[in-house]
Amino acid sequence: MDNTATYTILILRTDKGYLAYAPAFPNIYGQASTARVAYARLKPLLKQHLRSLIAKSELILRDPVFQTRTIRLDLRHLREQEELR
């Protein structure tokens, strides 16, 4: 049995502020006006959920995220290409 688990946390900007969640537990999330507070709200909820799973001897889900990547695109260049059509 592993003694640690690592989960990817995604923080999304929304119309109402920020939403933090782990893809392994999509129904558990923290929401706040700042990214830092959204993350801070999520963390104890995840711990509570994991404690509950352990208490019930249920399977602890592993992080489904294999890899993350970020892509940066030059929108000005894309617009110029579109205008040339």
C-alpha atoms as a PDB file:
ATOM      1  CA  MET A   1       0.000   0.000   0.000  1.00  0.00           C
ATOM      2  CA  ASP A   2       1.338   3.410  -0.970  1.00  0.00           C
ATOM      3  CA  ASN A   3       1.747   5.963   1.778  1.00  0.00           C
ATOM      4  CA  THR A   4       1.398   8.998  -0.460  1.00  0.00           C
ATOM      5  CA  ALA A   5      -0.717  10.106  -3.387  1.00  0.00           C
ATOM      6  CA  THR A   6      -0.184  12.994  -5.775  1.00  0.00           C
ATOM      7  CA  TYR A   7      -3.020  14.712  -7.590  1.00  0.00           C
ATOM      8  CA  THR A   8      -3.058  17.302 -10.338  1.00  0.00           C
ATOM      9  CA  ILE A   9      -5.015  20.397  -9.366  1.00  0.00           C
ATOM     10  CA  LEU A  10      -6.525  22.528 -12.105  1.00  0.00           C
ATOM     11  CA  ILE A  11      -7.474  26.114 -11.371  1.00  0.00           C
ATOM     12  CA  LEU A  12      -9.910  27.665 -13.805  1.00  0.00           C
ATOM     13  CA  ARG A  13     -10.863  31.298 -14.123  1.00  0.00           C
ATOM     14  CA  THR A  14     -14.651  31.681 -14.231  1.00  0.00           C
ATOM     15  CA  ASP A  15     -17.141  34.535 -14.377  1.00  0.00           C
ATOM     16  CA  LYS A  16     -17.459  34.264 -10.592  1.00  0.00           C
ATOM     17  CA  GLY A  17     -13.743  34.027  -9.770  1.00  0.00           C
ATOM     18  CA  TYR A  18     -11.711  30.833  -9.653  1.00  0.00           C
ATOM     19  CA  LEU A  19     -12.520  27.137  -9.439  1.00  0.00           C
ATOM     20  CA  ALA A  20      -9.963  24.576  -8.246  1.00  0.00           C
ATOM     21  CA  TYR A  21     -10.458  20.834  -8.685  1.00  0.00           C
ATOM     22  CA  ALA A  22      -8.602  17.567  -9.133  1.00  0.00           C
ATOM     23  CA  PRO A  23      -9.537  15.527 -12.242  1.00  0.00           C
ATOM     24  CA  ALA A  24      -9.494  12.400 -10.067  1.00  0.00           C
ATOM     25  CA  PHE A  25     -12.337  13.895  -8.016  1.00  0.00           C
ATOM     26  CA  PRO A  26     -14.291  16.172 -10.397  1.00  0.00           C
ATOM     27  CA  ASN A  27     -17.240  16.586  -8.025  1.00  0.00           C
ATOM     28  CA  ILE A  28     -15.057  18.114  -5.301  1.00  0.00           C
ATOM     29  CA  TYR A  29     -14.001  21.689  -5.869  1.00  0.00           C
ATOM     30  CA  GLY A  30     -13.035  24.928  -4.195  1.00  0.00           C
ATOM     31  CA  GLN A  31     -14.421  28.189  -5.444  1.00  0.00           C
ATOM     32  CA  ALA A  32     -13.319  31.706  -4.493  1.00  0.00           C
ATOM     33  CA  SER A  33     -12.523  35.166  -5.800  1.00  0.00           C
ATOM     34  CA  THR A  34      -8.790  34.318  -5.954  1.00  0.00           C
ATOM     35  CA  ALA A  35      -6.909  31.267  -7.219  1.00  0.00           C
ATOM     36  CA  ARG A  36      -5.015  30.916  -3.936  1.00  0.00           C
ATOM     37  CA  VAL A  37      -8.193  30.806  -1.847  1.00  0.00           C
ATOM     38  CA  ALA A  38      -9.910  28.413  -4.272  1.00  0.00           C
ATOM     39  CA  TYR A  39      -6.968  26.025  -3.864  1.00  0.00           C
ATOM     40  CA  ALA A  40      -6.975  26.501  -0.092  1.00  0.00           C
ATOM     41  CA  ARG A  41     -10.677  25.606   0.024  1.00  0.00           C
ATOM     42  CA  LEU A  42     -10.179  22.513  -2.112  1.00  0.00           C
ATOM     43  CA  LYS A  43      -7.356  20.990  -0.089  1.00  0.00           C
ATOM     44  CA  PRO A  44      -9.301  20.170   3.109  1.00  0.00           C
ATOM     45  CA  LEU A  45     -12.219  18.843   1.058  1.00  0.00           C
ATOM     46  CA  LEU A  46      -9.905  16.396  -0.716  1.00  0.00           C
ATOM     47  CA  LYS A  47      -8.356  15.324   2.580  1.00  0.00           C
ATOM     48  CA  GLN A  48     -11.812  14.774   4.079  1.00  0.00           C
ATOM     49  CA  HIS A  49     -12.894  12.724   1.071  1.00  0.00           C
ATOM     50  CA  LEU A  50      -9.758  10.574   1.193  1.00  0.00           C
ATOM     51  CA  ARG A  51     -10.196  10.006   4.950  1.00  0.00           C
ATOM     52  CA  SER A  52     -13.738   8.849   4.228  1.00  0.00           C
ATOM     53  CA  LEU A  53     -12.535   6.412   1.561  1.00  0.00           C
ATOM     54  CA  ILE A  54      -9.873   5.058   3.911  1.00  0.00           C
ATOM     55  CA  ALA A  55     -12.414   4.638   6.725  1.00  0.00           C
ATOM     56  CA  LYS A  56     -14.638   2.602   4.405  1.00  0.00           C
ATOM     57  CA  SER A  57     -11.639   0.627   3.068  1.00  0.00           C
ATOM     58  CA  GLU A  58     -12.538   1.814  -0.414  1.00  0.00           C
ATOM     59  CA  LEU A  59     -10.167   2.135  -3.311  1.00  0.00           C
ATOM     60  CA  ILE A  60      -8.132   5.349  -3.377  1.00  0.00           C
ATOM     61  CA  LEU A  61      -8.330   6.726  -6.899  1.00  0.00           C
ATOM     62  CA  ARG A  62      -5.100   7.588  -8.634  1.00  0.00           C
ATOM     63  CA  ASP A  63      -4.590  10.748 -10.626  1.00  0.00           C
ATOM     64  CA  PRO A  64      -5.720  10.091 -14.217  1.00  0.00           C
ATOM     65  CA  VAL A  65      -3.546  12.935 -15.525  1.00  0.00           C
ATOM     66  CA  PHE A  66      -0.552  11.497 -17.318  1.00  0.00           C
ATOM     67  CA  GLN A  67       1.007  14.722 -18.495  1.00  0.00           C
ATOM     68  CA  THR A  68       0.213  18.400 -18.782  1.00  0.00           C
ATOM     69  CA  ARG A  69       1.263  20.766 -21.519  1.00  0.00           C
ATOM     70  CA  THR A  70       0.739  24.436 -22.173  1.00  0.00           C
ATOM     71  CA  ILE A  71       0.461  25.899 -25.634  1.00  0.00           C
ATOM     72  CA  ARG A  72       0.926  29.580 -26.437  1.00  0.00           C
ATOM     73  CA  LEU A  73      -0.402  30.783 -29.790  1.00  0.00           C
ATOM     74  CA  ASP A  74       0.149  34.123 -31.492  1.00  0.00           C
ATOM     75  CA  LEU A  75      -3.419  35.235 -32.171  1.00  0.00           C
ATOM     76  CA  ARG A  76      -2.256  38.259 -34.140  1.00  0.00           C
ATOM     77  CA  HIS A  77      -0.464  35.950 -36.575  1.00  0.00           C
ATOM     78  CA  LEU A  78      -3.536  33.704 -36.862  1.00  0.00           C
ATOM     79  CA  ARG A  79      -5.732  36.732 -37.587  1.00  0.00           C
ATOM     80  CA  GLU A  80      -3.318  37.918 -40.268  1.00  0.00           C
ATOM     81  CA  GLN A  81      -3.356  34.483 -41.887  1.00  0.00           C
ATOM     82  CA  GLU A  82      -7.155  34.469 -41.869  1.00  0.00           C
ATOM     83  CA  GLU A  83      -7.298  37.926 -43.470  1.00  0.00           C
ATOM     84  CA  LEU A  84      -5.081  36.739 -46.333  1.00  0.00           C
ATOM     85  CA  ARG A  85      -7.632  34.104 -47.331  1.00  0.00           C
END
